Protein backbone atom coordinates (compact mmCIF):
# COMPACT_ATOMS: atom_id res chain seq x y z
CA MET A 1 0.00 0.00 0.00
CA LEU A 2 1.20 3.50 -0.83
CA ASP A 3 1.42 6.17 1.82
CA LYS A 4 -1.41 8.67 1.24
CA GLN A 5 1.21 11.43 1.22
CA THR A 6 2.66 9.94 -1.97
CA ARG A 7 2.42 12.22 -4.98
CA PHE A 8 2.28 10.93 -8.54
CA ILE A 9 4.44 12.84 -11.01
CA LEU A 10 3.04 12.39 -14.51
CA GLY A 11 4.90 12.58 -17.81
CA ALA A 12 3.72 13.64 -21.25
CA GLN A 13 0.02 13.72 -22.05
CA ASP A 14 -1.64 11.00 -24.15
CA PRO A 15 -4.86 8.97 -23.79
CA GLU A 16 -3.27 6.51 -21.36
CA MET A 17 -1.77 9.26 -19.19
CA ARG A 18 -5.11 11.07 -19.12
CA GLU A 19 -6.72 7.93 -17.70
CA ILE A 20 -3.87 7.42 -15.23
CA GLU A 21 -4.44 10.95 -13.94
CA ARG A 22 -8.17 10.28 -13.54
CA VAL A 23 -7.51 7.03 -11.64
CA VAL A 24 -4.94 8.65 -9.35
CA GLU A 25 -7.33 11.49 -8.51
CA SER A 26 -10.23 9.11 -7.86
CA ALA A 27 -8.02 7.13 -5.46
CA GLY A 28 -7.37 10.27 -3.41
CA PHE A 29 -3.72 10.82 -4.31
CA ALA A 30 -2.19 14.15 -5.26
CA ARG A 31 -0.57 14.47 -8.66
CA ALA A 32 1.54 16.95 -10.58
CA HIS A 33 2.95 17.16 -14.08
CA ALA A 34 6.65 16.88 -14.90
CA ALA A 35 7.85 20.15 -16.40
CA ARG A 36 10.90 21.74 -17.93
CA GLY A 37 11.33 25.47 -18.22
CA GLY A 38 7.90 26.06 -16.72
CA ARG A 39 6.08 24.01 -19.35
CA ARG A 40 4.64 20.53 -19.04
CA CYS A 41 7.00 18.00 -20.55
CA ASN A 42 6.53 16.38 -23.92
CA PRO A 43 7.88 12.90 -24.78
CA GLN A 44 11.31 14.35 -25.59
CA THR A 45 11.73 16.26 -22.30
CA ALA A 46 9.85 14.02 -19.85
CA TYR A 47 13.03 12.32 -18.63
CA ALA A 48 14.85 15.59 -18.03
CA ALA A 49 12.23 17.43 -15.94
CA ASP A 50 13.55 20.11 -13.57
CA GLU A 51 10.29 21.12 -11.84
CA VAL A 52 6.63 20.20 -11.50
CA VAL A 53 3.50 22.09 -12.45
CA LEU A 54 -0.22 21.47 -12.33
CA VAL A 55 -2.01 22.03 -15.63
CA GLY A 56 -5.68 22.86 -15.13
CA ARG A 57 -8.64 22.77 -17.48
CA ASP A 58 -7.55 26.13 -18.86
CA ALA A 59 -4.28 24.45 -20.02
CA VAL A 60 -2.23 26.93 -17.98
CA PRO A 61 0.71 25.35 -16.07
CA ARG A 62 0.99 26.56 -12.47
CA ALA A 63 4.12 25.94 -10.41
CA VAL A 64 3.85 23.36 -7.62
CA LEU A 65 6.09 23.25 -4.56
CA LEU A 66 7.40 19.72 -4.03
CA PRO A 67 9.26 19.38 -0.69
CA PRO A 68 12.50 17.37 -1.04
CA LYS A 69 11.36 14.42 1.07
CA THR A 70 7.95 14.02 -0.54
CA PRO A 71 7.36 10.35 -1.47
CA THR A 72 6.82 10.25 -5.23
CA VAL A 73 5.86 7.84 -7.98
CA PHE A 74 7.32 8.76 -11.36
CA VAL A 75 5.03 7.85 -14.24
CA GLU A 76 6.91 7.92 -17.54
CA CYS A 77 9.22 10.72 -16.42
CA ARG A 78 12.21 11.62 -14.26
CA LEU A 79 12.60 14.66 -12.02
CA ARG A 80 16.00 16.01 -11.18
CA GLY A 81 16.83 15.89 -7.47
CA PHE A 82 14.20 13.31 -6.51
CA ASP A 83 14.39 9.56 -5.96
CA PRO A 84 10.93 8.01 -6.38
CA VAL A 85 9.37 5.39 -4.15
CA THR A 86 8.77 3.49 -7.37
CA THR A 87 8.74 4.06 -11.12
CA VAL A 88 5.91 3.27 -13.52
CA ASP A 89 7.13 2.93 -17.10
CA HIS A 90 7.77 0.67 -20.08
CA HIS A 91 10.02 2.75 -22.31
CA HIS A 92 13.55 1.95 -21.15
CA PRO A 93 15.62 -1.09 -20.15
CA GLY A 94 15.02 -1.78 -16.47
CA ASP A 95 11.50 -0.34 -16.46
CA PRO A 96 8.90 -2.67 -14.91
CA GLY A 97 7.11 -3.05 -18.24
CA TRP A 98 10.14 -3.07 -20.56
CA GLY A 99 10.18 -6.67 -21.80
CA VAL A 100 6.59 -7.65 -21.07
CA PRO A 101 4.88 -9.43 -24.02
CA PRO A 102 1.44 -8.53 -25.43
CA GLU A 103 -0.14 -11.49 -23.68
CA ARG A 104 0.61 -9.72 -20.37
CA PHE A 105 -0.12 -6.20 -21.55
CA LEU A 106 -1.58 -5.06 -18.21
CA ASP A 107 1.69 -5.92 -16.47
CA GLY A 108 3.58 -4.02 -19.15
CA SER A 109 1.47 -0.90 -19.59
CA SER A 110 1.86 2.11 -17.35
CA LEU A 111 -1.88 2.21 -16.72
CA GLY A 112 -1.87 -1.43 -15.63
CA GLN A 113 1.06 -0.78 -13.30
CA VAL A 114 -0.73 2.16 -11.68
CA LEU A 115 -3.91 0.12 -11.22
CA ARG A 116 -1.87 -2.59 -9.51
CA LEU A 117 -0.22 -0.04 -7.19
CA LEU A 118 -3.67 1.21 -6.24
CA GLU A 119 -5.01 -2.36 -5.91
CA ARG A 120 -7.67 -1.84 -8.56
CA GLU A 121 -8.94 -4.05 -11.36
CA ALA A 122 -8.96 -2.76 -14.93
CA ASP A 123 -12.34 -2.15 -16.54
CA GLU A 124 -13.01 -2.78 -20.24
CA THR A 125 -12.01 0.71 -21.39
CA GLN A 126 -8.84 0.63 -19.31
CA ARG A 127 -7.87 -2.71 -20.85
CA LEU A 128 -8.28 -1.20 -24.31
CA LEU A 129 -6.20 1.85 -23.36
CA ALA A 130 -3.48 -0.29 -21.78
CA ALA A 131 -3.23 -2.67 -24.72
CA SER A 132 -3.19 0.11 -27.31
CA ASP A 133 -0.43 1.98 -25.51
CA HIS A 134 1.76 -1.01 -24.70
CA CYS A 135 1.51 -3.00 -27.94
CA LEU A 136 -0.88 -1.48 -30.48
CA THR A 137 -0.08 -3.68 -33.47
CA ALA A 138 -0.32 -6.86 -31.40
CA ALA A 139 -3.60 -5.66 -29.89
CA TYR A 140 -5.10 -5.10 -33.33
CA GLN A 141 -4.03 -8.62 -34.27
CA GLY A 142 -5.88 -10.18 -31.33
CA ARG A 143 -2.82 -11.06 -29.23
CA CYS A 144 -4.00 -9.26 -26.07
CA PRO A 145 -6.40 -11.45 -24.05
CA GLY A 146 -9.81 -9.87 -23.54
CA VAL A 147 -9.20 -7.02 -26.01
CA ASP A 148 -11.55 -6.86 -29.00
CA PRO A 149 -9.77 -5.32 -32.05
CA HIS A 150 -13.04 -3.78 -33.30
CA GLU A 151 -13.68 -2.07 -29.96
CA LEU A 152 -10.07 -0.93 -30.01
CA LEU A 153 -10.50 0.67 -33.44
CA PHE A 154 -13.63 2.49 -32.26
CA LEU A 155 -11.88 3.79 -29.12
CA ARG A 156 -8.77 4.94 -30.96
CA ALA A 157 -10.73 6.56 -33.79
CA SER A 158 -13.01 8.34 -31.32
CA TRP A 159 -10.00 9.86 -29.54
CA GLN A 160 -8.42 10.97 -32.80
CA ALA A 161 -11.71 12.49 -33.96
CA LYS A 162 -12.02 14.42 -30.70
CA MET A 163 -8.46 15.74 -30.86
CA SER A 164 -8.47 16.60 -34.57
CA GLY A 165 -12.02 17.88 -35.03
CA ARG A 166 -12.67 15.34 -37.77
CA THR A 167 -15.78 13.19 -37.81
CA LEU A 168 -15.56 9.65 -36.46
CA SER A 169 -16.50 8.15 -39.82
CA ASP A 170 -13.76 10.21 -41.53
CA VAL A 171 -11.13 8.96 -39.10
CA ILE A 172 -12.17 5.32 -39.44
CA GLU A 173 -12.18 5.61 -43.23
CA GLY A 174 -8.72 7.21 -43.07
CA ILE A 175 -7.37 4.35 -40.98
CA LEU A 176 -8.80 1.72 -43.32
CA GLN A 177 -7.44 3.52 -46.39
CA ALA A 178 -4.02 3.85 -44.76
CA ALA A 179 -4.05 0.11 -44.02
CA LYS A 180 -4.67 -0.55 -47.73
CA GLN A 181 -1.76 1.70 -48.73
CA VAL A 182 0.54 -0.02 -46.24
CA ARG A 183 -0.31 -3.38 -47.79
CA ARG A 184 0.25 -2.02 -51.32
CA HIS A 185 3.61 -0.46 -50.40
CA HIS A 186 5.01 -3.52 -48.65
CA ASP A 187 8.59 -4.11 -49.82
CA SER A 188 9.46 -7.79 -49.52
CA GLU A 189 13.18 -7.00 -49.80
CA PHE A 190 13.14 -4.86 -46.67
CA GLY A 191 10.21 -6.61 -44.97
CA GLU A 192 8.39 -3.31 -44.39
CA SER A 193 6.33 -0.58 -46.01
CA ARG A 194 8.25 2.65 -46.56
CA PHE A 195 6.96 6.23 -46.65
CA LEU A 196 10.10 8.35 -46.56
CA ASP A 197 8.79 11.62 -48.04
CA PRO A 198 7.15 13.55 -45.18
CA THR A 199 5.06 15.52 -47.67
CA GLN A 200 3.54 12.34 -49.12
CA MET A 201 2.66 10.51 -45.93
CA PRO A 202 -0.94 9.23 -45.93
CA SER A 203 -3.17 10.48 -43.15
CA ASP A 204 -3.60 8.00 -40.29
CA LEU A 205 -0.56 6.02 -41.48
CA PRO A 206 0.73 4.76 -38.09
CA GLU A 207 -2.76 3.63 -37.06
CA GLY A 208 -3.42 2.05 -40.44
CA ALA A 209 -0.15 0.13 -40.32
CA ALA A 210 -0.97 -1.21 -36.86
CA TYR A 211 -4.44 -2.20 -38.05
CA ALA A 212 -2.91 -3.96 -41.07
CA GLY A 213 -0.43 -5.71 -38.80
CA MET A 214 2.56 -4.82 -40.98
CA PRO A 215 5.87 -3.08 -40.20
CA VAL A 216 6.12 0.48 -41.47
CA ARG A 217 8.95 3.02 -41.71
CA TYR A 218 8.04 6.65 -42.21
CA ARG A 219 9.32 10.19 -41.73
CA ALA A 220 7.68 13.30 -40.37
CA LEU A 221 8.76 16.92 -40.10
CA LEU A 222 7.96 18.07 -36.56
CA PRO A 223 6.58 21.57 -35.87
CA GLU A 224 9.96 22.73 -34.56
CA GLY A 225 11.58 21.76 -37.86
CA VAL A 226 13.17 18.49 -36.73
CA LEU A 227 13.07 15.51 -39.09
CA LYS A 228 12.05 12.31 -37.35
CA GLU A 229 12.07 8.78 -38.75
CA MET A 230 9.89 6.13 -37.11
CA TYR A 231 9.56 2.37 -37.34
CA LYS A 232 6.58 0.50 -35.96
CA GLY A 233 5.13 -2.99 -35.91
CA GLY A 234 8.34 -4.95 -36.42
CA THR A 235 9.93 -7.91 -34.67
CA PRO A 236 12.40 -7.26 -31.83
CA GLU A 237 15.24 -8.07 -34.23
CA ALA A 238 13.96 -5.62 -36.86
CA VAL A 239 13.55 -2.85 -34.27
CA GLU A 240 17.08 -3.45 -32.98
CA ALA A 241 18.42 -3.25 -36.54
CA PHE A 242 16.63 0.07 -37.09
CA MET A 243 18.03 1.49 -33.87
CA ASP A 244 21.57 0.28 -34.64
CA GLU A 245 21.39 1.80 -38.12
CA HIS A 246 20.60 5.24 -36.74
CA ARG A 247 23.01 5.02 -33.79
CA GLN A 248 25.84 4.31 -36.21
CA ALA A 249 24.81 7.40 -38.16
CA GLY A 250 25.13 9.48 -34.96
CA ARG A 251 21.44 10.17 -34.48
CA GLU A 252 19.43 10.36 -31.27
CA VAL A 253 17.48 7.12 -30.99
CA TYR A 254 14.70 5.76 -28.80
CA GLY A 255 12.56 2.64 -28.86
CA ASN A 256 11.59 -0.67 -27.30
CA PRO A 257 12.19 -3.83 -29.37
CA TYR A 258 9.72 -5.78 -27.24
CA ARG A 259 6.93 -3.30 -28.00
CA GLY A 260 7.75 -3.12 -31.70
CA TYR A 261 8.64 0.55 -32.18
CA ALA A 262 11.60 2.91 -32.50
CA GLY A 263 12.39 6.41 -33.71
CA ALA A 264 15.35 8.62 -34.57
CA TYR A 265 15.93 12.38 -34.86
CA TRP A 266 18.13 14.01 -37.46
CA PRO A 267 20.59 16.41 -35.81
CA GLY A 268 20.75 19.97 -37.06
CA THR A 269 17.38 19.95 -38.79
CA ALA A 270 15.69 22.40 -36.40
């Protein structure tokens, strides 16, 4: 059991983290958001946080005082100067969920780990969120016990529609069309579908590739001008090969071979 004085420090926002925050609040625990330079962290800065904030409904980050001896749980983040009571994560070697297979997705996902800490059982929606975050391609292919791929598609498309302002039917159609393009572009020599021109990337490509159950490599130009190449849906060996390729080229690399994804950033493109 966690001490009620324990505070959860939450990393970058996504559907799973949003649900983690709701669960933590409903269990009566305080929470704060990892921040850097006064702004809530994104996936790139979450492991180099230097302060904490609380972002309200108005999206304004407000500084939070965190006394040095406060017991903390880090959820997909790190905060300079603090040693957590425990860490909830699945992104890096040594994390509790690092090498957990799809068949045990609740043990691997951050949401599942938080539920276990709070001694709660996952409901149907939480199982869908946990599976989609921990191993999306495997979940779409029916490898996560108790997770219906059709319900997963509806949940994921609903979230994307809400965030993008598109209609639900438009998002679902986009995912299905992207899946068709992934199948058409499959390169048997490389064992993957390639979309290397950021200006020609189909909408909903990552989701469509996961739905198709096929490895995909694609590039995107981020808002800050950084070129990023991503690989998703591959075997552990294929993910390792992707990461080694970019490390040898001197690029910043991240990924988890056991979860089937990796990415790399081109230096000097900002």
